[in-house]
């Protein structure tokens, strides 16, 4: 669903980001810790589902409404 939502928002010129596509325990740089896929299922789920939306102090009301409208459109 995240990828479909991301495409939907992109069509409406709303930028999104995926900051952590893998849990930290799944990244090569932390392999020395010895954790493997499945050790932290909630982290893995969050990595698959999380999507960063535009949010910052200066975002205008108009931009907020645009994002909210696009989200409502997708989920309804």
PDB file of N, CA and C in Angstrom:
ATOM      1  N   UNK A   1       0.821  -1.185   0.000  1.00  0.00           N
ATOM      2  CA  UNK A   1       0.000   0.000   0.000  1.00  0.00           C
ATOM      3  C   UNK A   1       0.874   1.262   0.000  1.00  0.00           C
ATOM      4  N   UNK A   2       2.025   1.207   0.709  1.00  0.00           N
ATOM      5  CA  UNK A   2       2.871   2.398   0.780  1.00  0.00           C
ATOM      6  C   UNK A   2       3.299   2.856  -0.606  1.00  0.00           C
ATOM      7  N   UNK A   3       3.684   1.920  -1.465  1.00  0.00           N
ATOM      8  CA  UNK A   3       4.146   2.298  -2.798  1.00  0.00           C
ATOM      9  C   UNK A   3       3.024   2.915  -3.622  1.00  0.00           C
ATOM     10  N   UNK A   4       1.822   2.366  -3.478  1.00  0.00           N
ATOM     11  CA  UNK A   4       0.666   2.934  -4.188  1.00  0.00           C
ATOM     12  C   UNK A   4       0.361   4.344  -3.689  1.00  0.00           C
ATOM     13  N   UNK A   5       0.432   4.532  -2.371  1.00  0.00           N
ATOM     14  CA  UNK A   5       0.207   5.865  -1.809  1.00  0.00           C
ATOM     15  C   UNK A   5       1.279   6.829  -2.292  1.00  0.00           C
ATOM     16  N   UNK A   6       2.499   6.367  -2.320  1.00  0.00           N
ATOM     17  CA  UNK A   6       3.601   7.232  -2.762  1.00  0.00           C
ATOM     18  C   UNK A   6       3.406   7.673  -4.218  1.00  0.00           C
ATOM     19  N   UNK A   7       2.978   6.753  -5.076  1.00  0.00           N
ATOM     20  CA  UNK A   7       2.704   7.093  -6.478  1.00  0.00           C
ATOM     21  C   UNK A   7       1.551   8.085  -6.582  1.00  0.00           C
ATOM     22  N   UNK A   8       0.521   7.847  -5.798  1.00  0.00           N
ATOM     23  CA  UNK A   8      -0.650   8.736  -5.793  1.00  0.00           C
ATOM     24  C   UNK A   8      -0.234  10.162  -5.413  1.00  0.00           C
ATOM     25  N   UNK A   9       0.566  10.279  -4.365  1.00  0.00           N
ATOM     26  CA  UNK A   9       1.006  11.600  -3.924  1.00  0.00           C
ATOM     27  C   UNK A   9       1.945  12.244  -4.943  1.00  0.00           C
ATOM     28  N   UNK A  10       2.795  11.464  -5.553  1.00  0.00           N
ATOM     29  CA  UNK A  10       3.724  12.004  -6.557  1.00  0.00           C
ATOM     30  C   UNK A  10       2.958  12.590  -7.743  1.00  0.00           C
ATOM     31  N   UNK A  11       1.869  11.940  -8.134  1.00  0.00           N
ATOM     32  CA  UNK A  11       1.046  12.461  -9.233  1.00  0.00           C
ATOM     33  C   UNK A  11       0.443  13.819  -8.886  1.00  0.00           C
ATOM     34  N   UNK A  12       0.314  14.080  -7.601  1.00  0.00           N
ATOM     35  CA  UNK A  12      -0.221  15.362  -7.142  1.00  0.00           C
ATOM     36  C   UNK A  12       0.885  16.306  -6.691  1.00  0.00           C
ATOM     37  N   UNK A  13       2.095  15.985  -7.119  1.00  0.00           N
ATOM     38  CA  UNK A  13       3.293  16.800  -6.847  1.00  0.00           C
ATOM     39  C   UNK A  13       3.564  16.976  -5.357  1.00  0.00           C
ATOM     40  N   UNK A  14       3.350  15.897  -4.610  1.00  0.00           N
ATOM     41  CA  UNK A  14       3.642  15.886  -3.177  1.00  0.00           C
ATOM     42  C   UNK A  14       4.826  14.947  -2.973  1.00  0.00           C
ATOM     43  N   UNK A  15       5.919  15.518  -2.491  1.00  0.00           N
ATOM     44  CA  UNK A  15       7.117  14.719  -2.276  1.00  0.00           C
ATOM     45  C   UNK A  15       7.008  13.909  -0.994  1.00  0.00           C
ATOM     46  N   UNK A  16       7.530  12.697  -1.047  1.00  0.00           N
ATOM     47  CA  UNK A  16       7.599  11.823   0.119  1.00  0.00           C
ATOM     48  C   UNK A  16       9.003  11.230   0.165  1.00  0.00           C
ATOM     49  N   UNK A  17       9.305  10.550   1.257  1.00  0.00           N
ATOM     50  CA  UNK A  17      10.608   9.902   1.375  1.00  0.00           C
ATOM     51  C   UNK A  17      10.474   8.638   2.208  1.00  0.00           C
ATOM     52  N   UNK A  18      11.378   7.729   1.965  1.00  0.00           N
ATOM     53  CA  UNK A  18      11.511   6.532   2.783  1.00  0.00           C
ATOM     54  C   UNK A  18      12.908   6.609   3.379  1.00  0.00           C
ATOM     55  N   UNK A  19      12.980   6.972   4.636  1.00  0.00           N
ATOM     56  CA  UNK A  19      14.283   7.202   5.260  1.00  0.00           C
ATOM     57  C   UNK A  19      14.968   5.920   5.708  1.00  0.00           C
ATOM     58  N   UNK A  20      14.203   4.948   6.110  1.00  0.00           N
ATOM     59  CA  UNK A  20      14.781   3.700   6.625  1.00  0.00           C
ATOM     60  C   UNK A  20      14.133   2.504   5.931  1.00  0.00           C
ATOM     61  N   UNK A  21      14.599   2.160   4.726  1.00  0.00           N
ATOM     62  CA  UNK A  21      13.997   1.046   3.991  1.00  0.00           C
ATOM     63  C   UNK A  21      14.287  -0.312   4.621  1.00  0.00           C
ATOM     64  N   UNK A  22      15.279  -0.366   5.487  1.00  0.00           N
ATOM     65  CA  UNK A  22      15.616  -1.590   6.211  1.00  0.00           C
ATOM     66  C   UNK A  22      15.758  -1.254   7.688  1.00  0.00           C
ATOM     67  N   UNK A  23      15.465  -2.230   8.531  1.00  0.00           N
ATOM     68  CA  UNK A  23      15.750  -2.049   9.946  1.00  0.00           C
ATOM     69  C   UNK A  23      17.259  -1.961  10.140  1.00  0.00           C
ATOM     70  N   UNK A  24      17.695  -1.301  11.182  1.00  0.00           N
ATOM     71  CA  UNK A  24      19.136  -1.168  11.413  1.00  0.00           C
ATOM     72  C   UNK A  24      19.822  -2.524  11.474  1.00  0.00           C
ATOM     73  N   UNK A  25      19.168  -3.509  12.083  1.00  0.00           N
ATOM     74  CA  UNK A  25      19.776  -4.839  12.208  1.00  0.00           C
ATOM     75  C   UNK A  25      19.930  -5.558  10.859  1.00  0.00           C
ATOM     76  N   UNK A  26      19.260  -5.055   9.810  1.00  0.00           N
ATOM     77  CA  UNK A  26      19.360  -5.659   8.481  1.00  0.00           C
ATOM     78  C   UNK A  26      20.420  -4.987   7.606  1.00  0.00           C
ATOM     79  N   UNK A  27      21.024  -3.930   8.094  1.00  0.00           N
ATOM     80  CA  UNK A  27      22.016  -3.199   7.308  1.00  0.00           C
ATOM     81  C   UNK A  27      23.403  -3.802   7.497  1.00  0.00           C
ATOM     82  N   UNK A  28      24.163  -3.819   6.401  1.00  0.00           N
ATOM     83  CA  UNK A  28      25.497  -4.415   6.416  1.00  0.00           C
ATOM     84  C   UNK A  28      26.390  -3.869   7.519  1.00  0.00           C
ATOM     85  N   UNK A  29      26.302  -2.572   7.748  1.00  0.00           N
ATOM     86  CA  UNK A  29      27.209  -1.962   8.728  1.00  0.00           C
ATOM     87  C   UNK A  29      26.970  -2.461  10.150  1.00  0.00           C
ATOM     88  N   UNK A  30      25.813  -3.081  10.391  1.00  0.00           N
ATOM     89  CA  UNK A  30      25.528  -3.616  11.722  1.00  0.00           C
ATOM     90  C   UNK A  30      25.541  -5.141  11.756  1.00  0.00           C
ATOM     91  N   UNK A  31      26.004  -5.765  10.692  1.00  0.00           N
ATOM     92  CA  UNK A  31      26.034  -7.235  10.613  1.00  0.00           C
ATOM     93  C   UNK A  31      26.872  -7.841  11.741  1.00  0.00           C
ATOM     94  N   UNK A  32      27.899  -7.128  12.161  1.00  0.00           N
ATOM     95  CA  UNK A  32      28.779  -7.653  13.211  1.00  0.00           C
ATOM     96  C   UNK A  32      28.046  -7.897  14.535  1.00  0.00           C
ATOM     97  N   UNK A  33      26.854  -7.307  14.700  1.00  0.00           N
ATOM     98  CA  UNK A  33      26.084  -7.507  15.921  1.00  0.00           C
ATOM     99  C   UNK A  33      25.416  -8.884  15.970  1.00  0.00           C
ATOM    100  N   UNK A  34      25.322  -9.527  14.806  1.00  0.00           N
ATOM    101  CA  UNK A  34      24.811 -10.888  14.754  1.00  0.00           C
ATOM    102  C   UNK A  34      23.308 -11.049  14.661  1.00  0.00           C
ATOM    103  N   UNK A  35      22.589  -9.953  14.488  1.00  0.00           N
ATOM    104  CA  UNK A  35      21.139 -10.065  14.343  1.00  0.00           C
ATOM    105  C   UNK A  35      20.785 -10.432  12.911  1.00  0.00           C
ATOM    106  N   UNK A  36      19.624 -11.050  12.740  1.00  0.00           N
ATOM    107  CA  UNK A  36      19.198 -11.456  11.400  1.00  0.00           C
ATOM    108  C   UNK A  36      17.743 -11.057  11.170  1.00  0.00           C
ATOM    109  N   UNK A  37      17.347 -11.172   9.912  1.00  0.00           N
ATOM    110  CA  UNK A  37      15.961 -10.877   9.543  1.00  0.00           C
ATOM    111  C   UNK A  37      15.043 -11.736  10.407  1.00  0.00           C
ATOM    112  N   UNK A  38      14.024 -11.095  10.952  1.00  0.00           N
ATOM    113  CA  UNK A  38      13.080 -11.802  11.811  1.00  0.00           C
ATOM    114  C   UNK A  38      13.321 -11.574  13.294  1.00  0.00           C
ATOM    115  N   UNK A  39      14.487 -11.078  13.649  1.00  0.00           N
ATOM    116  CA  UNK A  39      14.787 -10.836  15.063  1.00  0.00           C
ATOM    117  C   UNK A  39      13.990  -9.666  15.639  1.00  0.00           C
ATOM    118  N   UNK A  40      13.636  -8.718  14.795  1.00  0.00           N
ATOM    119  CA  UNK A  40      12.883  -7.542  15.240  1.00  0.00           C
ATOM    120  C   UNK A  40      11.718  -7.295  14.275  1.00  0.00           C
ATOM    121  N   UNK A  41      10.665  -8.106  14.373  1.00  0.00           N
ATOM    122  CA  UNK A  41       9.571  -8.026  13.392  1.00  0.00           C
ATOM    123  C   UNK A  41       8.862  -6.676  13.342  1.00  0.00           C
ATOM    124  N   UNK A  42       8.736  -5.981  14.459  1.00  0.00           N
ATOM    125  CA  UNK A  42       8.052  -4.684  14.442  1.00  0.00           C
ATOM    126  C   UNK A  42       8.892  -3.639  13.710  1.00  0.00           C
ATOM    127  N   UNK A  43      10.197  -3.700  13.883  1.00  0.00           N
ATOM    128  CA  UNK A  43      11.093  -2.792  13.159  1.00  0.00           C
ATOM    129  C   UNK A  43      10.991  -3.067  11.664  1.00  0.00           C
ATOM    130  N   UNK A  44      10.993  -4.337  11.292  1.00  0.00           N
ATOM    131  CA  UNK A  44      10.901  -4.713   9.875  1.00  0.00           C
ATOM    132  C   UNK A  44       9.573  -4.261   9.282  1.00  0.00           C
ATOM    133  N   UNK A  45       8.507  -4.405  10.040  1.00  0.00           N
ATOM    134  CA  UNK A  45       7.194  -3.945   9.568  1.00  0.00           C
ATOM    135  C   UNK A  45       7.199  -2.429   9.373  1.00  0.00           C
ATOM    136  N   UNK A  46       7.737  -1.707  10.334  1.00  0.00           N
ATOM    137  CA  UNK A  46       7.793  -0.242  10.227  1.00  0.00           C
ATOM    138  C   UNK A  46       8.624   0.172   9.014  1.00  0.00           C
ATOM    139  N   UNK A  47       9.721  -0.523   8.752  1.00  0.00           N
ATOM    140  CA  UNK A  47      10.568  -0.195   7.606  1.00  0.00           C
ATOM    141  C   UNK A  47       9.818  -0.408   6.288  1.00  0.00           C
ATOM    142  N   UNK A  48       8.940  -1.389   6.245  1.00  0.00           N
ATOM    143  CA  UNK A  48       8.153  -1.656   5.027  1.00  0.00           C
ATOM    144  C   UNK A  48       7.010  -0.671   4.841  1.00  0.00           C
ATOM    145  N   UNK A  49       6.497  -0.114   5.943  1.00  0.00           N
ATOM    146  CA  UNK A  49       5.270   0.678   5.879  1.00  0.00           C
ATOM    147  C   UNK A  49       5.454   2.182   6.040  1.00  0.00           C
ATOM    148  N   UNK A  50       6.512   2.607   6.692  1.00  0.00           N
ATOM    149  CA  UNK A  50       6.666   4.030   7.012  1.00  0.00           C
ATOM    150  C   UNK A  50       6.921   4.874   5.765  1.00  0.00           C
ATOM    151  N   UNK A  51       6.309   6.044   5.756  1.00  0.00           N
ATOM    152  CA  UNK A  51       6.460   6.989   4.658  1.00  0.00           C
ATOM    153  C   UNK A  51       6.506   8.393   5.251  1.00  0.00           C
ATOM    154  N   UNK A  52       7.547   9.128   4.928  1.00  0.00           N
ATOM    155  CA  UNK A  52       7.676  10.499   5.423  1.00  0.00           C
ATOM    156  C   UNK A  52       6.909  11.445   4.509  1.00  0.00           C
ATOM    157  N   UNK A  53       6.034  12.229   5.116  1.00  0.00           N
ATOM    158  CA  UNK A  53       5.239  13.223   4.397  1.00  0.00           C
ATOM    159  C   UNK A  53       5.853  14.606   4.607  1.00  0.00           C
ATOM    160  N   UNK A  54       5.503  15.566   3.755  1.00  0.00           N
ATOM    161  CA  UNK A  54       6.039  16.913   3.943  1.00  0.00           C
ATOM    162  C   UNK A  54       5.518  17.522   5.241  1.00  0.00           C
ATOM    163  N   UNK A  55       6.444  17.844   6.108  1.00  0.00           N
ATOM    164  CA  UNK A  55       6.091  18.493   7.369  1.00  0.00           C
ATOM    165  C   UNK A  55       7.278  19.336   7.816  1.00  0.00           C
ATOM    166  N   UNK A  56       7.009  20.581   8.023  1.00  0.00           N
ATOM    167  CA  UNK A  56       8.048  21.509   8.466  1.00  0.00           C
ATOM    168  C   UNK A  56       7.342  22.771   8.953  1.00  0.00           C
ATOM    169  N   UNK A  57       7.996  23.554   9.801  1.00  0.00           N
ATOM    170  CA  UNK A  57       7.325  24.708  10.421  1.00  0.00           C
ATOM    171  C   UNK A  57       6.728  25.704   9.431  1.00  0.00           C
ATOM    172  N   UNK A  58       7.349  25.871   8.273  1.00  0.00           N
ATOM    173  CA  UNK A  58       6.895  26.907   7.346  1.00  0.00           C
ATOM    174  C   UNK A  58       5.840  26.429   6.342  1.00  0.00           C
ATOM    175  N   UNK A  59       5.387  25.202   6.449  1.00  0.00           N
ATOM    176  CA  UNK A  59       4.419  24.698   5.458  1.00  0.00           C
ATOM    177  C   UNK A  59       3.125  25.521   5.569  1.00  0.00           C
ATOM    178  N   UNK A  60       2.657  25.975   4.439  1.00  0.00           N
ATOM    179  CA  UNK A  60       1.473  26.843   4.420  1.00  0.00           C
ATOM    180  C   UNK A  60       0.198  26.035   4.668  1.00  0.00           C
ATOM    181  N   UNK A  61      -0.831  26.728   5.075  1.00  0.00           N
ATOM    182  CA  UNK A  61      -2.140  26.082   5.263  1.00  0.00           C
ATOM    183  C   UNK A  61      -2.618  25.475   3.941  1.00  0.00           C
ATOM    184  N   UNK A  62      -2.377  26.193   2.864  1.00  0.00           N
ATOM    185  CA  UNK A  62      -2.781  25.701   1.543  1.00  0.00           C
ATOM    186  C   UNK A  62      -2.073  24.380   1.227  1.00  0.00           C
ATOM    187  N   UNK A  63      -0.785  24.313   1.502  1.00  0.00           N
ATOM    188  CA  UNK A  63      -0.033  23.078   1.252  1.00  0.00           C
ATOM    189  C   UNK A  63      -0.527  21.957   2.167  1.00  0.00           C
ATOM    190  N   UNK A  64      -0.829  22.287   3.408  1.00  0.00           N
ATOM    191  CA  UNK A  64      -1.372  21.287   4.329  1.00  0.00           C
ATOM    192  C   UNK A  64      -2.681  20.716   3.791  1.00  0.00           C
ATOM    193  N   UNK A  65      -3.537  21.601   3.325  1.00  0.00           N
ATOM    194  CA  UNK A  65      -4.824  21.154   2.771  1.00  0.00           C
ATOM    195  C   UNK A  65      -4.638  20.286   1.534  1.00  0.00           C
ATOM    196  N   UNK A  66      -3.663  20.639   0.727  1.00  0.00           N
ATOM    197  CA  UNK A  66      -3.377  19.855  -0.475  1.00  0.00           C
ATOM    198  C   UNK A  66      -2.949  18.432  -0.106  1.00  0.00           C
ATOM    199  N   UNK A  67      -2.058  18.308   0.860  1.00  0.00           N
ATOM    200  CA  UNK A  67      -1.590  16.987   1.310  1.00  0.00           C
ATOM    201  C   UNK A  67      -2.738  16.202   1.935  1.00  0.00           C
ATOM    202  N   UNK A  68      -3.482  16.839   2.811  1.00  0.00           N
ATOM    203  CA  UNK A  68      -4.607  16.173   3.474  1.00  0.00           C
ATOM    204  C   UNK A  68      -5.653  15.729   2.455  1.00  0.00           C
ATOM    205  N   UNK A  69      -5.928  16.578   1.486  1.00  0.00           N
ATOM    206  CA  UNK A  69      -6.892  16.223   0.445  1.00  0.00           C
ATOM    207  C   UNK A  69      -6.435  15.024  -0.367  1.00  0.00           C
ATOM    208  N   UNK A  70      -5.164  14.995  -0.720  1.00  0.00           N
ATOM    209  CA  UNK A  70      -4.635  13.871  -1.496  1.00  0.00           C
ATOM    210  C   UNK A  70      -4.661  12.577  -0.679  1.00  0.00           C
ATOM    211  N   UNK A  71      -4.358  12.678   0.611  1.00  0.00           N
ATOM    212  CA  UNK A  71      -4.426  11.496   1.478  1.00  0.00           C
ATOM    213  C   UNK A  71      -5.865  10.997   1.613  1.00  0.00           C
ATOM    214  N   UNK A  72      -6.780  11.915   1.811  1.00  0.00           N
ATOM    215  CA  UNK A  72      -8.204  11.544   1.918  1.00  0.00           C
ATOM    216  C   UNK A  72      -8.685  10.887   0.636  1.00  0.00           C
ATOM    217  N   UNK A  73      -8.301  11.453  -0.476  1.00  0.00           N
ATOM    218  CA  UNK A  73      -8.679  10.905  -1.779  1.00  0.00           C
ATOM    219  C   UNK A  73      -8.174   9.471  -1.929  1.00  0.00           C
ATOM    220  N   UNK A  74      -6.956   9.220  -1.502  1.00  0.00           N
ATOM    221  CA  UNK A  74      -6.384   7.872  -1.620  1.00  0.00           C
ATOM    222  C   UNK A  74      -7.112   6.865  -0.721  1.00  0.00           C
ATOM    223  N   UNK A  75      -7.376   7.259   0.508  1.00  0.00           N
ATOM    224  CA  UNK A  75      -7.935   6.313   1.469  1.00  0.00           C
ATOM    225  C   UNK A  75      -9.451   6.177   1.385  1.00  0.00           C
ATOM    226  N   UNK A  76     -10.109   7.057   0.643  1.00  0.00           N
ATOM    227  CA  UNK A  76     -11.563   6.929   0.473  1.00  0.00           C
ATOM    228  C   UNK A  76     -11.869   6.393  -0.852  1.00  0.00           C
TER     229      UNK A  76
END
